[in-house]
Amino acid sequence: MPKKICNQVGCNTLISMQERYCAEHIKDKKVHDSMVAKRYNETLRNEKHERFYSSGQWKKVRTHIMSRYGGLCRSCAEFDMDVRADVVDHIVPIEINWELKINFDNLQPLCHSCHNRKTADDKKKYGGRV
């Protein structure tokens, strides 16, 4: 069975392809992630957006967009790569135009990596408003 190296910087422990961290670092990662989530909730969470993203309407639209594109990342597909999408992204962020929040032409499935890259680009493009 193929193995890969733990994602922790400097760790060379081999782990299964399904894991992200070795047993030693997974605990540290969980503590770190919970602290990051707590700080995000306290400072950056937008309640209006939270209500929208937990609504039945959004869940139906999200499911439709994922199935429309076969559950694959649109950005990776441009490079002939089939990568599973795990985020439905607003091309024009809802912080910029709330009216486009369920417009199918404003939605695209992206993998986590491409979504992070696009969000960083959007922050530069819109002056940090995303």
N, C-alpha and C. Protein backbone atom coordinates (compact mmCIF):
# COMPACT_ATOMS: atom_id res chain seq x y z
N MET A 1 0.85 -1.18 0.00
CA MET A 1 0.00 0.00 0.00
C MET A 1 0.90 1.25 0.00
N PRO A 2 0.63 2.22 -0.88
CA PRO A 2 1.46 3.43 -0.95
C PRO A 2 1.36 4.25 0.34
N LYS A 3 2.46 4.93 0.64
CA LYS A 3 2.53 5.77 1.84
C LYS A 3 2.97 7.17 1.42
N LYS A 4 2.77 8.12 2.33
CA LYS A 4 3.23 9.49 2.11
C LYS A 4 3.79 10.01 3.44
N ILE A 5 4.43 11.16 3.38
CA ILE A 5 5.04 11.77 4.56
C ILE A 5 4.01 12.63 5.29
N CYS A 6 4.05 12.63 6.61
CA CYS A 6 3.19 13.46 7.46
C CYS A 6 3.26 14.92 7.00
N ASN A 7 2.15 15.62 7.06
CA ASN A 7 2.09 17.03 6.63
C ASN A 7 2.78 18.00 7.60
N GLN A 8 3.10 17.54 8.80
CA GLN A 8 3.77 18.40 9.77
C GLN A 8 5.17 18.76 9.25
N VAL A 9 5.48 20.03 9.20
CA VAL A 9 6.78 20.48 8.72
C VAL A 9 7.89 19.82 9.54
N GLY A 10 8.84 19.21 8.85
CA GLY A 10 9.99 18.59 9.50
C GLY A 10 9.78 17.14 9.91
N CYS A 11 8.56 16.63 9.81
CA CYS A 11 8.28 15.24 10.19
C CYS A 11 8.41 14.36 8.95
N ASN A 12 9.15 13.28 9.08
CA ASN A 12 9.35 12.37 7.96
C ASN A 12 8.65 11.02 8.16
N THR A 13 7.72 10.96 9.09
CA THR A 13 7.00 9.72 9.36
C THR A 13 6.11 9.37 8.18
N LEU A 14 6.16 8.12 7.76
CA LEU A 14 5.30 7.65 6.67
C LEU A 14 3.94 7.26 7.22
N ILE A 15 2.91 7.71 6.51
CA ILE A 15 1.53 7.44 6.92
C ILE A 15 0.74 6.99 5.70
N SER A 16 -0.47 6.48 5.91
CA SER A 16 -1.30 6.04 4.79
C SER A 16 -1.73 7.26 3.97
N MET A 17 -2.09 7.01 2.74
CA MET A 17 -2.48 8.09 1.83
C MET A 17 -3.75 8.80 2.28
N GLN A 18 -4.57 8.13 3.10
CA GLN A 18 -5.82 8.73 3.56
C GLN A 18 -5.62 9.68 4.74
N GLU A 19 -4.48 9.61 5.40
CA GLU A 19 -4.21 10.43 6.57
C GLU A 19 -3.51 11.72 6.16
N ARG A 20 -3.56 12.72 7.04
CA ARG A 20 -2.84 13.97 6.79
C ARG A 20 -1.65 14.11 7.73
N TYR A 21 -1.79 13.58 8.96
CA TYR A 21 -0.76 13.71 9.98
C TYR A 21 -0.53 12.37 10.65
N CYS A 22 0.69 12.17 11.14
CA CYS A 22 1.02 10.96 11.90
C CYS A 22 0.35 11.04 13.28
N ALA A 23 0.38 9.93 14.00
CA ALA A 23 -0.27 9.88 15.32
C ALA A 23 0.30 10.93 16.27
N GLU A 24 1.58 11.21 16.16
CA GLU A 24 2.22 12.18 17.06
C GLU A 24 1.70 13.60 16.81
N HIS A 25 1.44 13.94 15.55
CA HIS A 25 1.08 15.32 15.22
C HIS A 25 -0.41 15.57 15.08
N ILE A 26 -1.21 14.52 14.96
CA ILE A 26 -2.65 14.72 14.80
C ILE A 26 -3.25 15.41 16.01
N LYS A 27 -2.77 15.10 17.21
CA LYS A 27 -3.30 15.73 18.42
C LYS A 27 -2.97 17.22 18.43
N ASP A 28 -1.72 17.57 18.09
CA ASP A 28 -1.32 18.97 18.03
C ASP A 28 -2.17 19.72 17.00
N LYS A 29 -2.44 19.08 15.87
CA LYS A 29 -3.22 19.69 14.81
C LYS A 29 -4.65 19.96 15.27
N LYS A 30 -5.24 19.01 15.99
CA LYS A 30 -6.61 19.19 16.47
C LYS A 30 -6.69 20.34 17.46
N VAL A 31 -5.72 20.47 18.36
CA VAL A 31 -5.71 21.58 19.31
C VAL A 31 -5.57 22.90 18.57
N HIS A 32 -4.65 22.94 17.61
CA HIS A 32 -4.43 24.15 16.82
C HIS A 32 -5.70 24.52 16.06
N ASP A 33 -6.32 23.54 15.39
CA ASP A 33 -7.52 23.81 14.61
C ASP A 33 -8.66 24.34 15.48
N SER A 34 -8.80 23.79 16.68
CA SER A 34 -9.89 24.26 17.55
C SER A 34 -9.63 25.69 18.01
N MET A 35 -8.36 26.05 18.24
CA MET A 35 -8.04 27.43 18.62
C MET A 35 -8.30 28.38 17.46
N VAL A 36 -7.93 27.98 16.27
CA VAL A 36 -8.17 28.81 15.08
C VAL A 36 -9.67 28.99 14.87
N ALA A 37 -10.44 27.92 15.00
CA ALA A 37 -11.90 28.00 14.83
C ALA A 37 -12.51 28.93 15.87
N LYS A 38 -12.06 28.84 17.11
CA LYS A 38 -12.59 29.70 18.17
C LYS A 38 -12.31 31.17 17.86
N ARG A 39 -11.08 31.47 17.46
CA ARG A 39 -10.72 32.85 17.13
C ARG A 39 -11.53 33.35 15.94
N TYR A 40 -11.71 32.50 14.93
CA TYR A 40 -12.51 32.87 13.76
C TYR A 40 -13.94 33.17 14.17
N ASN A 41 -14.52 32.31 14.98
CA ASN A 41 -15.90 32.51 15.44
C ASN A 41 -16.06 33.81 16.21
N GLU A 42 -15.06 34.15 17.01
CA GLU A 42 -15.15 35.36 17.85
C GLU A 42 -14.94 36.64 17.06
N THR A 43 -14.17 36.58 15.99
CA THR A 43 -13.79 37.83 15.31
C THR A 43 -14.32 37.99 13.89
N LEU A 44 -14.46 36.92 13.16
CA LEU A 44 -14.75 37.05 11.73
C LEU A 44 -16.08 36.48 11.26
N ARG A 45 -16.72 35.66 12.03
CA ARG A 45 -17.94 35.00 11.59
C ARG A 45 -19.05 36.02 11.34
N ASN A 46 -19.71 35.87 10.23
CA ASN A 46 -20.80 36.76 9.83
C ASN A 46 -22.11 35.98 10.00
N GLU A 47 -22.95 36.42 10.93
CA GLU A 47 -24.18 35.68 11.25
C GLU A 47 -25.15 35.60 10.07
N LYS A 48 -25.23 36.66 9.27
CA LYS A 48 -26.10 36.66 8.10
C LYS A 48 -25.65 35.56 7.12
N HIS A 49 -24.35 35.46 6.91
CA HIS A 49 -23.81 34.44 6.02
C HIS A 49 -24.01 33.05 6.61
N GLU A 50 -23.84 32.92 7.90
CA GLU A 50 -24.03 31.62 8.56
C GLU A 50 -25.45 31.12 8.37
N ARG A 51 -26.43 32.00 8.55
CA ARG A 51 -27.83 31.61 8.35
C ARG A 51 -28.05 31.15 6.91
N PHE A 52 -27.49 31.89 5.96
CA PHE A 52 -27.63 31.53 4.55
C PHE A 52 -27.00 30.16 4.27
N TYR A 53 -25.76 29.96 4.70
CA TYR A 53 -25.05 28.72 4.40
C TYR A 53 -25.64 27.50 5.11
N SER A 54 -26.42 27.72 6.15
CA SER A 54 -27.06 26.58 6.81
C SER A 54 -28.51 26.40 6.37
N SER A 55 -28.96 27.21 5.43
CA SER A 55 -30.36 27.14 4.96
C SER A 55 -30.56 25.97 3.99
N GLY A 56 -31.79 25.49 3.95
CA GLY A 56 -32.15 24.44 3.01
C GLY A 56 -31.98 24.89 1.57
N GLN A 57 -32.25 26.16 1.32
CA GLN A 57 -32.10 26.72 -0.03
C GLN A 57 -30.66 26.57 -0.51
N TRP A 58 -29.69 26.97 0.32
CA TRP A 58 -28.29 26.87 -0.06
C TRP A 58 -27.89 25.40 -0.26
N LYS A 59 -28.35 24.53 0.61
CA LYS A 59 -27.97 23.12 0.51
C LYS A 59 -28.47 22.51 -0.81
N LYS A 60 -29.66 22.89 -1.25
CA LYS A 60 -30.19 22.40 -2.52
C LYS A 60 -29.36 22.96 -3.69
N VAL A 61 -29.07 24.25 -3.64
CA VAL A 61 -28.29 24.89 -4.71
C VAL A 61 -26.89 24.27 -4.76
N ARG A 62 -26.28 24.08 -3.60
CA ARG A 62 -24.94 23.50 -3.52
C ARG A 62 -24.92 22.09 -4.14
N THR A 63 -25.91 21.28 -3.79
CA THR A 63 -26.00 19.93 -4.33
C THR A 63 -26.16 19.97 -5.85
N HIS A 64 -26.98 20.90 -6.33
CA HIS A 64 -27.19 21.03 -7.78
C HIS A 64 -25.88 21.40 -8.49
N ILE A 65 -25.16 22.37 -7.95
CA ILE A 65 -23.91 22.81 -8.59
C ILE A 65 -22.88 21.68 -8.58
N MET A 66 -22.78 20.96 -7.47
CA MET A 66 -21.83 19.84 -7.42
C MET A 66 -22.18 18.79 -8.46
N SER A 67 -23.46 18.45 -8.59
CA SER A 67 -23.83 17.41 -9.55
C SER A 67 -23.72 17.93 -10.99
N ARG A 68 -23.99 19.19 -11.19
CA ARG A 68 -23.90 19.80 -12.52
C ARG A 68 -22.50 19.65 -13.11
N TYR A 69 -21.48 19.73 -12.26
CA TYR A 69 -20.10 19.64 -12.71
C TYR A 69 -19.44 18.31 -12.31
N GLY A 70 -20.24 17.34 -11.96
CA GLY A 70 -19.70 16.02 -11.64
C GLY A 70 -18.87 15.98 -10.37
N GLY A 71 -19.04 16.98 -9.51
CA GLY A 71 -18.30 17.01 -8.25
C GLY A 71 -16.82 17.29 -8.39
N LEU A 72 -16.42 17.82 -9.55
CA LEU A 72 -14.99 18.08 -9.80
C LEU A 72 -14.68 19.57 -9.76
N CYS A 73 -13.47 19.87 -9.34
CA CYS A 73 -12.99 21.25 -9.25
C CYS A 73 -12.90 21.87 -10.64
N ARG A 74 -13.55 23.00 -10.84
CA ARG A 74 -13.53 23.68 -12.14
C ARG A 74 -12.16 24.24 -12.46
N SER A 75 -11.46 24.72 -11.46
CA SER A 75 -10.14 25.30 -11.69
C SER A 75 -9.13 24.23 -12.10
N CYS A 76 -9.13 23.11 -11.40
CA CYS A 76 -8.22 22.01 -11.75
C CYS A 76 -8.55 21.44 -13.12
N ALA A 77 -9.83 21.44 -13.48
CA ALA A 77 -10.26 20.91 -14.77
C ALA A 77 -9.64 21.69 -15.93
N GLU A 78 -9.36 22.98 -15.70
CA GLU A 78 -8.72 23.79 -16.74
C GLU A 78 -7.32 23.27 -17.08
N PHE A 79 -6.73 22.50 -16.16
CA PHE A 79 -5.41 21.92 -16.37
C PHE A 79 -5.50 20.42 -16.62
N ASP A 80 -6.69 19.97 -17.06
CA ASP A 80 -6.96 18.55 -17.35
C ASP A 80 -6.70 17.64 -16.16
N MET A 81 -7.00 18.14 -14.96
CA MET A 81 -6.86 17.34 -13.75
C MET A 81 -8.26 17.09 -13.18
N ASP A 82 -8.52 15.85 -12.81
CA ASP A 82 -9.79 15.50 -12.17
C ASP A 82 -9.57 15.48 -10.66
N VAL A 83 -9.94 16.57 -10.00
CA VAL A 83 -9.79 16.70 -8.55
C VAL A 83 -11.16 16.91 -7.95
N ARG A 84 -11.46 16.14 -6.92
CA ARG A 84 -12.77 16.23 -6.27
C ARG A 84 -12.95 17.61 -5.63
N ALA A 85 -14.07 18.24 -5.90
CA ALA A 85 -14.41 19.53 -5.30
C ALA A 85 -15.01 19.30 -3.92
N ASP A 86 -14.72 20.19 -2.98
CA ASP A 86 -15.34 20.10 -1.66
C ASP A 86 -15.95 21.43 -1.23
N VAL A 87 -15.91 22.43 -2.11
CA VAL A 87 -16.45 23.75 -1.81
C VAL A 87 -17.23 24.24 -3.04
N VAL A 88 -18.38 24.86 -2.80
CA VAL A 88 -19.05 25.58 -3.89
C VAL A 88 -18.76 27.05 -3.64
N ASP A 89 -18.07 27.64 -4.60
CA ASP A 89 -17.54 29.00 -4.49
C ASP A 89 -18.43 29.99 -5.21
N HIS A 90 -18.55 31.17 -4.63
CA HIS A 90 -19.20 32.30 -5.30
C HIS A 90 -18.14 33.02 -6.12
N ILE A 91 -18.29 33.04 -7.43
CA ILE A 91 -17.32 33.69 -8.31
C ILE A 91 -17.19 35.16 -7.93
N VAL A 92 -18.32 35.85 -7.85
CA VAL A 92 -18.35 37.19 -7.26
C VAL A 92 -18.79 36.97 -5.82
N PRO A 93 -17.92 37.24 -4.85
CA PRO A 93 -18.24 36.94 -3.45
C PRO A 93 -19.53 37.60 -2.98
N ILE A 94 -20.23 36.92 -2.06
CA ILE A 94 -21.49 37.46 -1.56
C ILE A 94 -21.28 38.75 -0.78
N GLU A 95 -20.08 38.97 -0.27
CA GLU A 95 -19.78 40.23 0.40
C GLU A 95 -19.79 41.39 -0.58
N ILE A 96 -19.55 41.10 -1.84
CA ILE A 96 -19.51 42.12 -2.89
C ILE A 96 -20.90 42.30 -3.52
N ASN A 97 -21.58 41.17 -3.77
CA ASN A 97 -22.92 41.25 -4.36
C ASN A 97 -23.80 40.14 -3.79
N TRP A 98 -24.53 40.48 -2.74
CA TRP A 98 -25.41 39.53 -2.05
C TRP A 98 -26.48 38.97 -2.97
N GLU A 99 -26.91 39.75 -3.95
CA GLU A 99 -27.99 39.33 -4.85
C GLU A 99 -27.60 38.13 -5.71
N LEU A 100 -26.31 37.85 -5.86
CA LEU A 100 -25.86 36.73 -6.69
C LEU A 100 -25.65 35.44 -5.89
N LYS A 101 -26.14 35.43 -4.65
CA LYS A 101 -25.83 34.31 -3.74
C LYS A 101 -26.33 32.95 -4.22
N ILE A 102 -27.42 32.90 -5.00
CA ILE A 102 -27.90 31.61 -5.51
C ILE A 102 -28.01 31.61 -7.04
N ASN A 103 -27.35 32.54 -7.68
CA ASN A 103 -27.30 32.58 -9.14
C ASN A 103 -26.35 31.48 -9.63
N PHE A 104 -26.88 30.50 -10.36
CA PHE A 104 -26.07 29.36 -10.81
C PHE A 104 -24.84 29.79 -11.61
N ASP A 105 -24.95 30.89 -12.36
CA ASP A 105 -23.82 31.36 -13.16
C ASP A 105 -22.72 31.98 -12.29
N ASN A 106 -23.01 32.22 -11.03
CA ASN A 106 -22.03 32.80 -10.11
C ASN A 106 -21.43 31.75 -9.17
N LEU A 107 -21.72 30.48 -9.43
CA LEU A 107 -21.26 29.42 -8.54
C LEU A 107 -20.40 28.41 -9.28
N GLN A 108 -19.38 27.91 -8.59
CA GLN A 108 -18.51 26.90 -9.19
C GLN A 108 -17.97 25.99 -8.09
N PRO A 109 -17.85 24.71 -8.40
CA PRO A 109 -17.23 23.81 -7.43
C PRO A 109 -15.71 23.93 -7.50
N LEU A 110 -15.07 23.99 -6.35
CA LEU A 110 -13.61 24.07 -6.27
C LEU A 110 -13.09 23.11 -5.21
N CYS A 111 -11.86 22.67 -5.38
CA CYS A 111 -11.20 21.92 -4.32
C CYS A 111 -10.75 22.94 -3.26
N HIS A 112 -10.41 22.45 -2.10
CA HIS A 112 -10.03 23.32 -0.99
C HIS A 112 -8.85 24.23 -1.37
N SER A 113 -7.87 23.65 -2.04
CA SER A 113 -6.67 24.40 -2.42
C SER A 113 -6.99 25.54 -3.39
N CYS A 114 -7.77 25.24 -4.40
CA CYS A 114 -8.14 26.29 -5.38
C CYS A 114 -9.03 27.34 -4.74
N HIS A 115 -9.91 26.93 -3.84
CA HIS A 115 -10.77 27.88 -3.15
C HIS A 115 -9.94 28.85 -2.30
N ASN A 116 -8.96 28.32 -1.59
CA ASN A 116 -8.09 29.20 -0.78
C ASN A 116 -7.33 30.19 -1.66
N ARG A 117 -6.83 29.71 -2.79
CA ARG A 117 -6.10 30.59 -3.71
C ARG A 117 -7.03 31.68 -4.25
N LYS A 118 -8.25 31.29 -4.65
CA LYS A 118 -9.20 32.27 -5.19
C LYS A 118 -9.60 33.29 -4.13
N THR A 119 -9.81 32.83 -2.90
CA THR A 119 -10.17 33.75 -1.81
C THR A 119 -9.06 34.76 -1.58
N ALA A 120 -7.81 34.32 -1.60
CA ALA A 120 -6.67 35.24 -1.44
C ALA A 120 -6.65 36.26 -2.58
N ASP A 121 -6.90 35.79 -3.81
CA ASP A 121 -6.96 36.71 -4.95
C ASP A 121 -8.11 37.70 -4.80
N ASP A 122 -9.26 37.20 -4.33
CA ASP A 122 -10.43 38.08 -4.13
C ASP A 122 -10.14 39.15 -3.08
N LYS A 123 -9.42 38.79 -2.03
CA LYS A 123 -9.09 39.77 -0.99
C LYS A 123 -8.25 40.91 -1.57
N LYS A 124 -7.32 40.56 -2.46
CA LYS A 124 -6.51 41.59 -3.12
C LYS A 124 -7.38 42.41 -4.07
N LYS A 125 -8.21 41.72 -4.84
CA LYS A 125 -9.04 42.37 -5.84
C LYS A 125 -10.05 43.33 -5.23
N TYR A 126 -10.66 42.93 -4.10
CA TYR A 126 -11.73 43.72 -3.49
C TYR A 126 -11.28 44.44 -2.21
N GLY A 127 -10.00 44.57 -2.04
CA GLY A 127 -9.49 45.34 -0.90
C GLY A 127 -9.78 44.73 0.46
N GLY A 128 -9.71 43.39 0.55
CA GLY A 128 -9.89 42.73 1.84
C GLY A 128 -11.32 42.58 2.27
N ARG A 129 -12.28 42.89 1.41
CA ARG A 129 -13.70 42.85 1.79
C ARG A 129 -14.28 41.45 1.75
N VAL A 130 -13.52 40.42 1.44
CA VAL A 130 -14.04 39.05 1.36
C VAL A 130 -13.62 38.22 2.54
